[in-house]
PDB file of N, CA and C in Angstrom:
ATOM      1  N   UNK A   1       8.585 -13.086 -25.576  1.00  0.00           N
ATOM      2  CA  UNK A   1       8.804 -11.655 -25.651  1.00  0.00           C
ATOM      3  C   UNK A   1       9.412 -11.277 -26.997  1.00  0.00           C
ATOM      4  N   UNK A   2      10.406 -12.011 -27.424  1.00  0.00           N
ATOM      5  CA  UNK A   2      11.079 -11.691 -28.680  1.00  0.00           C
ATOM      6  C   UNK A   2      10.121 -11.863 -29.853  1.00  0.00           C
ATOM      7  N   UNK A   3       9.305 -12.902 -29.794  1.00  0.00           N
ATOM      8  CA  UNK A   3       8.305 -13.108 -30.836  1.00  0.00           C
ATOM      9  C   UNK A   3       7.263 -12.015 -30.861  1.00  0.00           C
ATOM     10  N   UNK A   4       6.878 -11.536 -29.686  1.00  0.00           N
ATOM     11  CA  UNK A   4       5.872 -10.475 -29.603  1.00  0.00           C
ATOM     12  C   UNK A   4       6.393  -9.192 -30.235  1.00  0.00           C
ATOM     13  N   UNK A   5       7.687  -8.936 -30.096  1.00  0.00           N
ATOM     14  CA  UNK A   5       8.285  -7.744 -30.681  1.00  0.00           C
ATOM     15  C   UNK A   5       8.638  -7.943 -32.151  1.00  0.00           C
ATOM     16  N   UNK A   6       8.444  -9.142 -32.648  1.00  0.00           N
ATOM     17  CA  UNK A   6       8.745  -9.522 -34.032  1.00  0.00           C
ATOM     18  C   UNK A   6      10.216  -9.278 -34.366  1.00  0.00           C
ATOM     19  N   UNK A   7      11.070  -9.764 -33.456  1.00  0.00           N
ATOM     20  CA  UNK A   7      12.517  -9.701 -33.646  1.00  0.00           C
ATOM     21  C   UNK A   7      12.993 -11.116 -33.939  1.00  0.00           C
ATOM     22  N   UNK A   8      13.934 -11.253 -34.856  1.00  0.00           N
ATOM     23  CA  UNK A   8      14.476 -12.564 -35.211  1.00  0.00           C
ATOM     24  C   UNK A   8      15.158 -13.194 -33.995  1.00  0.00           C
ATOM     25  N   UNK A   9      14.729 -14.400 -33.578  1.00  0.00           N
ATOM     26  CA  UNK A   9      15.299 -15.032 -32.369  1.00  0.00           C
ATOM     27  C   UNK A   9      16.630 -15.732 -32.632  1.00  0.00           C
ATOM     28  N   UNK A  10      17.671 -14.968 -32.864  1.00  0.00           N
ATOM     29  CA  UNK A  10      18.996 -15.556 -33.064  1.00  0.00           C
ATOM     30  C   UNK A  10      19.569 -15.960 -31.703  1.00  0.00           C
ATOM     31  N   UNK A  11      20.653 -16.732 -31.725  1.00  0.00           N
ATOM     32  CA  UNK A  11      21.298 -17.153 -30.478  1.00  0.00           C
ATOM     33  C   UNK A  11      21.768 -15.948 -29.665  1.00  0.00           C
ATOM     34  N   UNK A  12      22.288 -14.940 -30.337  1.00  0.00           N
ATOM     35  CA  UNK A  12      22.766 -13.739 -29.642  1.00  0.00           C
ATOM     36  C   UNK A  12      21.623 -12.999 -28.959  1.00  0.00           C
ATOM     37  N   UNK A  13      20.514 -12.886 -29.654  1.00  0.00           N
ATOM     38  CA  UNK A  13      19.352 -12.193 -29.086  1.00  0.00           C
ATOM     39  C   UNK A  13      18.815 -12.972 -27.894  1.00  0.00           C
ATOM     40  N   UNK A  14      18.753 -14.288 -28.006  1.00  0.00           N
ATOM     41  CA  UNK A  14      18.267 -15.111 -26.899  1.00  0.00           C
ATOM     42  C   UNK A  14      19.204 -15.025 -25.686  1.00  0.00           C
ATOM     43  N   UNK A  15      20.509 -15.022 -25.928  1.00  0.00           N
ATOM     44  CA  UNK A  15      21.480 -14.858 -24.852  1.00  0.00           C
ATOM     45  C   UNK A  15      21.276 -13.518 -24.161  1.00  0.00           C
ATOM     46  N   UNK A  16      21.176 -12.475 -24.936  1.00  0.00           N
ATOM     47  CA  UNK A  16      20.962 -11.141 -24.382  1.00  0.00           C
ATOM     48  C   UNK A  16      19.638 -11.084 -23.600  1.00  0.00           C
ATOM     49  N   UNK A  17      18.605 -11.690 -24.141  1.00  0.00           N
ATOM     50  CA  UNK A  17      17.303 -11.711 -23.468  1.00  0.00           C
ATOM     51  C   UNK A  17      17.349 -12.427 -22.123  1.00  0.00           C
ATOM     52  N   UNK A  18      18.047 -13.548 -22.048  1.00  0.00           N
ATOM     53  CA  UNK A  18      18.174 -14.271 -20.783  1.00  0.00           C
ATOM     54  C   UNK A  18      18.930 -13.434 -19.751  1.00  0.00           C
ATOM     55  N   UNK A  19      19.990 -12.778 -20.191  1.00  0.00           N
ATOM     56  CA  UNK A  19      20.775 -11.945 -19.269  1.00  0.00           C
ATOM     57  C   UNK A  19      19.961 -10.753 -18.771  1.00  0.00           C
ATOM     58  N   UNK A  20      19.222 -10.130 -19.648  1.00  0.00           N
ATOM     59  CA  UNK A  20      18.380  -8.994 -19.242  1.00  0.00           C
ATOM     60  C   UNK A  20      17.257  -9.466 -18.316  1.00  0.00           C
ATOM     61  N   UNK A  21      16.724 -10.650 -18.566  1.00  0.00           N
ATOM     62  CA  UNK A  21      15.694 -11.206 -17.690  1.00  0.00           C
ATOM     63  C   UNK A  21      16.213 -11.404 -16.276  1.00  0.00           C
ATOM     64  N   UNK A  22      17.441 -11.911 -16.159  1.00  0.00           N
ATOM     65  CA  UNK A  22      18.040 -12.098 -14.834  1.00  0.00           C
ATOM     66  C   UNK A  22      18.243 -10.750 -14.136  1.00  0.00           C
ATOM     67  N   UNK A  23      18.687  -9.751 -14.892  1.00  0.00           N
ATOM     68  CA  UNK A  23      18.876  -8.419 -14.317  1.00  0.00           C
ATOM     69  C   UNK A  23      17.546  -7.839 -13.837  1.00  0.00           C
ATOM     70  N   UNK A  24      16.518  -7.927 -14.657  1.00  0.00           N
ATOM     71  CA  UNK A  24      15.202  -7.407 -14.278  1.00  0.00           C
ATOM     72  C   UNK A  24      14.633  -8.146 -13.072  1.00  0.00           C
ATOM     73  N   UNK A  25      14.849  -9.438 -13.000  1.00  0.00           N
ATOM     74  CA  UNK A  25      14.373 -10.198 -11.844  1.00  0.00           C
ATOM     75  C   UNK A  25      15.067  -9.726 -10.572  1.00  0.00           C
ATOM     76  N   UNK A  26      16.373  -9.540 -10.641  1.00  0.00           N
ATOM     77  CA  UNK A  26      17.116  -9.055  -9.484  1.00  0.00           C
ATOM     78  C   UNK A  26      16.656  -7.673  -9.042  1.00  0.00           C
ATOM     79  N   UNK A  27      16.460  -6.777  -9.989  1.00  0.00           N
ATOM     80  CA  UNK A  27      15.968  -5.440  -9.654  1.00  0.00           C
ATOM     81  C   UNK A  27      14.567  -5.500  -9.057  1.00  0.00           C
ATOM     82  N   UNK A  28      13.730  -6.366  -9.593  1.00  0.00           N
ATOM     83  CA  UNK A  28      12.368  -6.507  -9.067  1.00  0.00           C
ATOM     84  C   UNK A  28      12.381  -6.978  -7.622  1.00  0.00           C
ATOM     85  N   UNK A  29      13.235  -7.936  -7.315  1.00  0.00           N
ATOM     86  CA  UNK A  29      13.342  -8.430  -5.934  1.00  0.00           C
ATOM     87  C   UNK A  29      13.835  -7.314  -5.018  1.00  0.00           C
ATOM     88  N   UNK A  30      14.842  -6.564  -5.451  1.00  0.00           N
ATOM     89  CA  UNK A  30      15.371  -5.470  -4.631  1.00  0.00           C
ATOM     90  C   UNK A  30      14.295  -4.420  -4.359  1.00  0.00           C
ATOM     91  N   UNK A  31      13.557  -4.023  -5.379  1.00  0.00           N
ATOM     92  CA  UNK A  31      12.502  -3.026  -5.190  1.00  0.00           C
ATOM     93  C   UNK A  31      11.355  -3.574  -4.354  1.00  0.00           C
ATOM     94  N   UNK A  32      11.042  -4.845  -4.509  1.00  0.00           N
ATOM     95  CA  UNK A  32       9.976  -5.448  -3.707  1.00  0.00           C
ATOM     96  C   UNK A  32      10.358  -5.438  -2.230  1.00  0.00           C
ATOM     97  N   UNK A  33      11.601  -5.790  -1.931  1.00  0.00           N
ATOM     98  CA  UNK A  33      12.045  -5.826  -0.543  1.00  0.00           C
ATOM     99  C   UNK A  33      12.146  -4.418   0.065  1.00  0.00           C
ATOM    100  N   UNK A  34      12.360  -3.405  -0.772  1.00  0.00           N
ATOM    101  CA  UNK A  34      12.495  -2.029  -0.283  1.00  0.00           C
ATOM    102  C   UNK A  34      11.200  -1.223  -0.413  1.00  0.00           C
ATOM    103  N   UNK A  35      10.097  -1.891  -0.711  1.00  0.00           N
ATOM    104  CA  UNK A  35       8.848  -1.191  -1.022  1.00  0.00           C
ATOM    105  C   UNK A  35       8.302  -0.341   0.123  1.00  0.00           C
ATOM    106  N   UNK A  36       8.613  -0.675   1.349  1.00  0.00           N
ATOM    107  CA  UNK A  36       8.058   0.090   2.467  1.00  0.00           C
ATOM    108  C   UNK A  36       9.116   0.973   3.137  1.00  0.00           C
ATOM    109  N   UNK A  37      10.204   1.215   2.440  1.00  0.00           N
ATOM    110  CA  UNK A  37      11.263   2.071   2.999  1.00  0.00           C
ATOM    111  C   UNK A  37      10.749   3.503   3.117  1.00  0.00           C
ATOM    112  N   UNK A  38      11.107   4.177   4.199  1.00  0.00           N
ATOM    113  CA  UNK A  38      10.675   5.572   4.352  1.00  0.00           C
ATOM    114  C   UNK A  38      11.375   6.484   3.338  1.00  0.00           C
ATOM    115  N   UNK A  39      10.803   7.657   3.137  1.00  0.00           N
ATOM    116  CA  UNK A  39      11.399   8.622   2.214  1.00  0.00           C
ATOM    117  C   UNK A  39      12.827   8.942   2.663  1.00  0.00           C
ATOM    118  N   UNK A  40      13.756   8.879   1.712  1.00  0.00           N
ATOM    119  CA  UNK A  40      15.162   9.142   2.019  1.00  0.00           C
ATOM    120  C   UNK A  40      15.874   9.536   0.736  1.00  0.00           C
ATOM    121  N   UNK A  41      17.100   9.966   0.870  1.00  0.00           N
ATOM    122  CA  UNK A  41      17.914  10.314  -0.293  1.00  0.00           C
ATOM    123  C   UNK A  41      18.111   9.079  -1.175  1.00  0.00           C
ATOM    124  N   UNK A  42      18.371   7.933  -0.555  1.00  0.00           N
ATOM    125  CA  UNK A  42      18.591   6.698  -1.324  1.00  0.00           C
ATOM    126  C   UNK A  42      17.326   6.298  -2.082  1.00  0.00           C
ATOM    127  N   UNK A  43      16.167   6.350  -1.414  1.00  0.00           N
ATOM    128  CA  UNK A  43      14.920   5.980  -2.092  1.00  0.00           C
ATOM    129  C   UNK A  43      14.626   6.941  -3.233  1.00  0.00           C
ATOM    130  N   UNK A  44      14.870   8.225  -3.021  1.00  0.00           N
ATOM    131  CA  UNK A  44      14.651   9.194  -4.093  1.00  0.00           C
ATOM    132  C   UNK A  44      15.577   8.930  -5.277  1.00  0.00           C
ATOM    133  N   UNK A  45      16.818   8.573  -4.994  1.00  0.00           N
ATOM    134  CA  UNK A  45      17.763   8.272  -6.070  1.00  0.00           C
ATOM    135  C   UNK A  45      17.314   7.042  -6.860  1.00  0.00           C
ATOM    136  N   UNK A  46      16.877   6.006  -6.165  1.00  0.00           N
ATOM    137  CA  UNK A  46      16.402   4.792  -6.847  1.00  0.00           C
ATOM    138  C   UNK A  46      15.166   5.085  -7.689  1.00  0.00           C
ATOM    139  N   UNK A  47      14.238   5.848  -7.133  1.00  0.00           N
ATOM    140  CA  UNK A  47      13.012   6.177  -7.872  1.00  0.00           C
ATOM    141  C   UNK A  47      13.316   7.060  -9.079  1.00  0.00           C
ATOM    142  N   UNK A  48      14.203   8.024  -8.912  1.00  0.00           N
ATOM    143  CA  UNK A  48      14.560   8.912 -10.021  1.00  0.00           C
ATOM    144  C   UNK A  48      15.245   8.130 -11.136  1.00  0.00           C
ATOM    145  N   UNK A  49      16.193   7.290 -10.774  1.00  0.00           N
ATOM    146  CA  UNK A  49      16.891   6.486 -11.771  1.00  0.00           C
ATOM    147  C   UNK A  49      15.966   5.531 -12.501  1.00  0.00           C
ATOM    148  N   UNK A  50      15.051   4.906 -11.763  1.00  0.00           N
ATOM    149  CA  UNK A  50      14.129   3.960 -12.391  1.00  0.00           C
ATOM    150  C   UNK A  50      13.133   4.680 -13.288  1.00  0.00           C
ATOM    151  N   UNK A  51      12.643   5.830 -12.854  1.00  0.00           N
ATOM    152  CA  UNK A  51      11.719   6.615 -13.688  1.00  0.00           C
ATOM    153  C   UNK A  51      12.420   7.047 -14.975  1.00  0.00           C
ATOM    154  N   UNK A  52      13.680   7.470 -14.858  1.00  0.00           N
ATOM    155  CA  UNK A  52      14.434   7.874 -16.046  1.00  0.00           C
ATOM    156  C   UNK A  52      14.654   6.688 -16.986  1.00  0.00           C
ATOM    157  N   UNK A  53      15.015   5.537 -16.433  1.00  0.00           N
ATOM    158  CA  UNK A  53      15.250   4.346 -17.260  1.00  0.00           C
ATOM    159  C   UNK A  53      13.971   3.904 -17.969  1.00  0.00           C
ATOM    160  N   UNK A  54      12.860   3.873 -17.249  1.00  0.00           N
ATOM    161  CA  UNK A  54      11.584   3.465 -17.858  1.00  0.00           C
ATOM    162  C   UNK A  54      11.150   4.451 -18.931  1.00  0.00           C
ATOM    163  N   UNK A  55      11.370   5.742 -18.680  1.00  0.00           N
ATOM    164  CA  UNK A  55      11.019   6.757 -19.676  1.00  0.00           C
ATOM    165  C   UNK A  55      11.864   6.588 -20.937  1.00  0.00           C
ATOM    166  N   UNK A  56      13.154   6.359 -20.749  1.00  0.00           N
ATOM    167  CA  UNK A  56      14.040   6.165 -21.890  1.00  0.00           C
ATOM    168  C   UNK A  56      13.670   4.897 -22.663  1.00  0.00           C
ATOM    169  N   UNK A  57      13.338   3.830 -21.957  1.00  0.00           N
ATOM    170  CA  UNK A  57      12.906   2.599 -22.631  1.00  0.00           C
ATOM    171  C   UNK A  57      11.647   2.844 -23.458  1.00  0.00           C
ATOM    172  N   UNK A  58      10.702   3.615 -22.919  1.00  0.00           N
ATOM    173  CA  UNK A  58       9.470   3.913 -23.651  1.00  0.00           C
ATOM    174  C   UNK A  58       9.769   4.724 -24.913  1.00  0.00           C
ATOM    175  N   UNK A  59      10.610   5.738 -24.782  1.00  0.00           N
ATOM    176  CA  UNK A  59      10.969   6.561 -25.944  1.00  0.00           C
ATOM    177  C   UNK A  59      11.696   5.724 -26.995  1.00  0.00           C
ATOM    178  N   UNK A  60      12.645   4.906 -26.557  1.00  0.00           N
ATOM    179  CA  UNK A  60      13.361   4.046 -27.496  1.00  0.00           C
ATOM    180  C   UNK A  60      12.432   3.025 -28.154  1.00  0.00           C
ATOM    181  N   UNK A  61      11.468   2.522 -27.398  1.00  0.00           N
ATOM    182  CA  UNK A  61      10.498   1.584 -27.960  1.00  0.00           C
ATOM    183  C   UNK A  61       9.673   2.214 -29.065  1.00  0.00           C
ATOM    184  N   UNK A  62       9.234   3.438 -28.843  1.00  0.00           N
ATOM    185  CA  UNK A  62       8.466   4.155 -29.876  1.00  0.00           C
ATOM    186  C   UNK A  62       9.351   4.402 -31.095  1.00  0.00           C
ATOM    187  N   UNK A  63      10.593   4.797 -30.850  1.00  0.00           N
ATOM    188  CA  UNK A  63      11.527   5.041 -31.951  1.00  0.00           C
ATOM    189  C   UNK A  63      11.734   3.772 -32.786  1.00  0.00           C
ATOM    190  N   UNK A  64      11.986   2.640 -32.129  1.00  0.00           N
ATOM    191  CA  UNK A  64      12.219   1.386 -32.851  1.00  0.00           C
ATOM    192  C   UNK A  64      10.970   0.928 -33.598  1.00  0.00           C
ATOM    193  N   UNK A  65       9.799   1.143 -33.002  1.00  0.00           N
ATOM    194  CA  UNK A  65       8.552   0.788 -33.677  1.00  0.00           C
ATOM    195  C   UNK A  65       8.362   1.639 -34.929  1.00  0.00           C
ATOM    196  N   UNK A  66       8.544   2.951 -34.795  1.00  0.00           N
ATOM    197  CA  UNK A  66       8.364   3.846 -35.945  1.00  0.00           C
ATOM    198  C   UNK A  66       9.408   3.602 -37.025  1.00  0.00           C
ATOM    199  N   UNK A  67      10.602   3.142 -36.632  1.00  0.00           N
ATOM    200  CA  UNK A  67      11.650   2.837 -37.608  1.00  0.00           C
ATOM    201  C   UNK A  67      11.426   1.484 -38.271  1.00  0.00           C
ATOM    202  N   UNK A  68      10.453   0.720 -37.795  1.00  0.00           N
ATOM    203  CA  UNK A  68      10.148  -0.568 -38.407  1.00  0.00           C
ATOM    204  C   UNK A  68      11.012  -1.718 -37.929  1.00  0.00           C
ATOM    205  N   UNK A  69      11.761  -1.516 -36.852  1.00  0.00           N
ATOM    206  CA  UNK A  69      12.627  -2.580 -36.339  1.00  0.00           C
ATOM    207  C   UNK A  69      11.952  -3.428 -35.274  1.00  0.00           C
ATOM    208  N   UNK A  70      10.748  -3.059 -34.867  1.00  0.00           N
ATOM    209  CA  UNK A  70       9.978  -3.835 -33.885  1.00  0.00           C
ATOM    210  C   UNK A  70       8.517  -3.803 -34.307  1.00  0.00           C
ATOM    211  N   UNK A  71       7.820  -4.869 -33.967  1.00  0.00           N
ATOM    212  CA  UNK A  71       6.419  -4.980 -34.343  1.00  0.00           C
ATOM    213  C   UNK A  71       5.497  -4.265 -33.362  1.00  0.00           C
ATOM    214  N   UNK A  72       4.194  -4.389 -33.586  1.00  0.00           N
ATOM    215  CA  UNK A  72       3.210  -3.713 -32.742  1.00  0.00           C
ATOM    216  C   UNK A  72       3.236  -4.161 -31.284  1.00  0.00           C
ATOM    217  N   UNK A  73       3.811  -5.324 -31.016  1.00  0.00           N
ATOM    218  CA  UNK A  73       3.937  -5.776 -29.634  1.00  0.00           C
ATOM    219  C   UNK A  73       4.787  -4.827 -28.800  1.00  0.00           C
ATOM    220  N   UNK A  74       5.629  -4.047 -29.467  1.00  0.00           N
ATOM    221  CA  UNK A  74       6.464  -3.075 -28.764  1.00  0.00           C
ATOM    222  C   UNK A  74       5.602  -2.041 -28.043  1.00  0.00           C
ATOM    223  N   UNK A  75       4.435  -1.742 -28.589  1.00  0.00           N
ATOM    224  CA  UNK A  75       3.578  -0.725 -27.987  1.00  0.00           C
ATOM    225  C   UNK A  75       3.067  -1.158 -26.612  1.00  0.00           C
ATOM    226  N   UNK A  76       2.891  -2.450 -26.398  1.00  0.00           N
ATOM    227  CA  UNK A  76       2.508  -2.945 -25.065  1.00  0.00           C
ATOM    228  C   UNK A  76       3.632  -2.676 -24.070  1.00  0.00           C
ATOM    229  N   UNK A  77       4.857  -2.911 -24.497  1.00  0.00           N
ATOM    230  CA  UNK A  77       6.011  -2.626 -23.637  1.00  0.00           C
ATOM    231  C   UNK A  77       6.112  -1.130 -23.348  1.00  0.00           C
ATOM    232  N   UNK A  78       5.877  -0.313 -24.360  1.00  0.00           N
ATOM    233  CA  UNK A  78       5.922   1.140 -24.179  1.00  0.00           C
ATOM    234  C   UNK A  78       4.876   1.578 -23.164  1.00  0.00           C
ATOM    235  N   UNK A  79       3.693   1.017 -23.241  1.00  0.00           N
ATOM    236  CA  UNK A  79       2.626   1.365 -22.294  1.00  0.00           C
ATOM    237  C   UNK A  79       3.033   0.994 -20.866  1.00  0.00           C
ATOM    238  N   UNK A  80       3.538  -0.207 -20.677  1.00  0.00           N
ATOM    239  CA  UNK A  80       3.952  -0.658 -19.340  1.00  0.00           C
ATOM    240  C   UNK A  80       5.102   0.205 -18.818  1.00  0.00           C
ATOM    241  N   UNK A  81       6.070   0.486 -19.656  1.00  0.00           N
ATOM    242  CA  UNK A  81       7.204   1.312 -19.233  1.00  0.00           C
ATOM    243  C   UNK A  81       6.752   2.726 -18.866  1.00  0.00           C
ATOM    244  N   UNK A  82       5.818   3.258 -19.615  1.00  0.00           N
ATOM    245  CA  UNK A  82       5.292   4.593 -19.316  1.00  0.00           C
ATOM    246  C   UNK A  82       4.552   4.601 -17.991  1.00  0.00           C
ATOM    247  N   UNK A  83       3.750   3.573 -17.752  1.00  0.00           N
ATOM    248  CA  UNK A  83       3.019   3.486 -16.482  1.00  0.00           C
ATOM    249  C   UNK A  83       3.976   3.336 -15.296  1.00  0.00           C
ATOM    250  N   UNK A  84       5.015   2.541 -15.472  1.00  0.00           N
ATOM    251  CA  UNK A  84       6.008   2.396 -14.409  1.00  0.00           C
ATOM    252  C   UNK A  84       6.722   3.718 -14.130  1.00  0.00           C
ATOM    253  N   UNK A  85       7.087   4.434 -15.191  1.00  0.00           N
ATOM    254  CA  UNK A  85       7.743   5.735 -15.007  1.00  0.00           C
ATOM    255  C   UNK A  85       6.836   6.685 -14.240  1.00  0.00           C
ATOM    256  N   UNK A  86       5.571   6.736 -14.610  1.00  0.00           N
ATOM    257  CA  UNK A  86       4.619   7.603 -13.901  1.00  0.00           C
ATOM    258  C   UNK A  86       4.449   7.183 -12.447  1.00  0.00           C
ATOM    259  N   UNK A  87       4.451   5.893 -12.187  1.00  0.00           N
ATOM    260  CA  UNK A  87       4.314   5.413 -10.806  1.00  0.00           C
ATOM    261  C   UNK A  87       5.506   5.848  -9.963  1.00  0.00           C
ATOM    262  N   UNK A  88       6.703   5.760 -10.509  1.00  0.00           N
ATOM    263  CA  UNK A  88       7.883   6.178  -9.748  1.00  0.00           C
ATOM    264  C   UNK A  88       7.910   7.696  -9.559  1.00  0.00           C
ATOM    265  N   UNK A  89       7.454   8.445 -10.545  1.00  0.00           N
ATOM    266  CA  UNK A  89       7.361   9.897 -10.377  1.00  0.00           C
ATOM    267  C   UNK A  89       6.349  10.223  -9.283  1.00  0.00           C
ATOM    268  N   UNK A  90       5.256   9.486  -9.250  1.00  0.00           N
ATOM    269  CA  UNK A  90       4.244   9.692  -8.209  1.00  0.00           C
ATOM    270  C   UNK A  90       4.830   9.440  -6.820  1.00  0.00           C
ATOM    271  N   UNK A  91       5.628   8.400  -6.688  1.00  0.00           N
ATOM    272  CA  UNK A  91       6.283   8.106  -5.409  1.00  0.00           C
ATOM    273  C   UNK A  91       7.190   9.264  -5.011  1.00  0.00           C
ATOM    274  N   UNK A  92       7.924   9.803  -5.986  1.00  0.00           N
ATOM    275  CA  UNK A  92       8.808  10.940  -5.699  1.00  0.00           C
ATOM    276  C   UNK A  92       8.021  12.163  -5.236  1.00  0.00           C
ATOM    277  N   UNK A  93       6.923  12.449  -5.909  1.00  0.00           N
ATOM    278  CA  UNK A  93       6.104  13.611  -5.558  1.00  0.00           C
ATOM    279  C   UNK A  93       5.489  13.434  -4.174  1.00  0.00           C
ATOM    280  N   UNK A  94       4.982  12.256  -3.909  1.00  0.00           N
ATOM    281  CA  UNK A  94       4.390  11.991  -2.591  1.00  0.00           C
ATOM    282  C   UNK A  94       5.449  12.083  -1.493  1.00  0.00           C
ATOM    283  N   UNK A  95       6.663  11.629  -1.773  1.00  0.00           N
ATOM    284  CA  UNK A  95       7.747  11.701  -0.791  1.00  0.00           C
ATOM    285  C   UNK A  95       8.118  13.131  -0.460  1.00  0.00           C
ATOM    286  N   UNK A  96       8.072  14.002  -1.439  1.00  0.00           N
ATOM    287  CA  UNK A  96       8.377  15.413  -1.209  1.00  0.00           C
ATOM    288  C   UNK A  96       7.281  16.084  -0.390  1.00  0.00           C
ATOM    289  N   UNK A  97       6.032  15.699  -0.633  1.00  0.00           N
ATOM    290  CA  UNK A  97       4.919  16.266   0.134  1.00  0.00           C
ATOM    291  C   UNK A  97       5.032  15.870   1.593  1.00  0.00           C
ATOM    292  N   UNK A  98       5.457  14.643   1.855  1.00  0.00           N
ATOM    293  CA  UNK A  98       5.601  14.173   3.226  1.00  0.00           C
ATOM    294  C   UNK A  98       6.707  14.957   3.919  1.00  0.00           C
ATOM    295  N   UNK A  99       7.839  15.177   3.246  1.00  0.00           N
ATOM    296  CA  UNK A  99       8.936  15.923   3.834  1.00  0.00           C
ATOM    297  C   UNK A  99       8.541  17.375   4.127  1.00  0.00           C
ATOM    298  N   UNK A 100       7.821  18.014   3.192  1.00  0.00           N
ATOM    299  CA  UNK A 100       7.414  19.406   3.371  1.00  0.00           C
ATOM    300  C   UNK A 100       6.430  19.536   4.524  1.00  0.00           C
ATOM    301  N   UNK A 101       5.544  18.554   4.655  1.00  0.00           N
ATOM    302  CA  UNK A 101       4.514  18.594   5.689  1.00  0.00           C
ATOM    303  C   UNK A 101       5.031  18.335   7.096  1.00  0.00           C
ATOM    304  N   UNK A 102       6.215  17.739   7.237  1.00  0.00           N
ATOM    305  CA  UNK A 102       6.748  17.415   8.576  1.00  0.00           C
ATOM    306  C   UNK A 102       7.293  18.613   9.283  1.00  0.00           C
TER     307      UNK A 102
END
């Protein structure tokens, strides 16, 4: 990942990358286990927070790429983050339609 972004793989960067990987893995497991949860305030909060985080990551990725601090590999991350943000927004919209229809 660090090589794809064309960032110098220093010990500090590798340490940070391992820690972020563990965090992302934990979040992925939590979301996977909660994937079939019914619409609720908690699910809406999780989806809203994740959509906001993914959107911010995408914006920051574009900023770092344009500033020359990350290579073209950053654009792949931006695309994935944007798609994830849209997916969570879609879940939120669908959840509201279900509540209104009941």
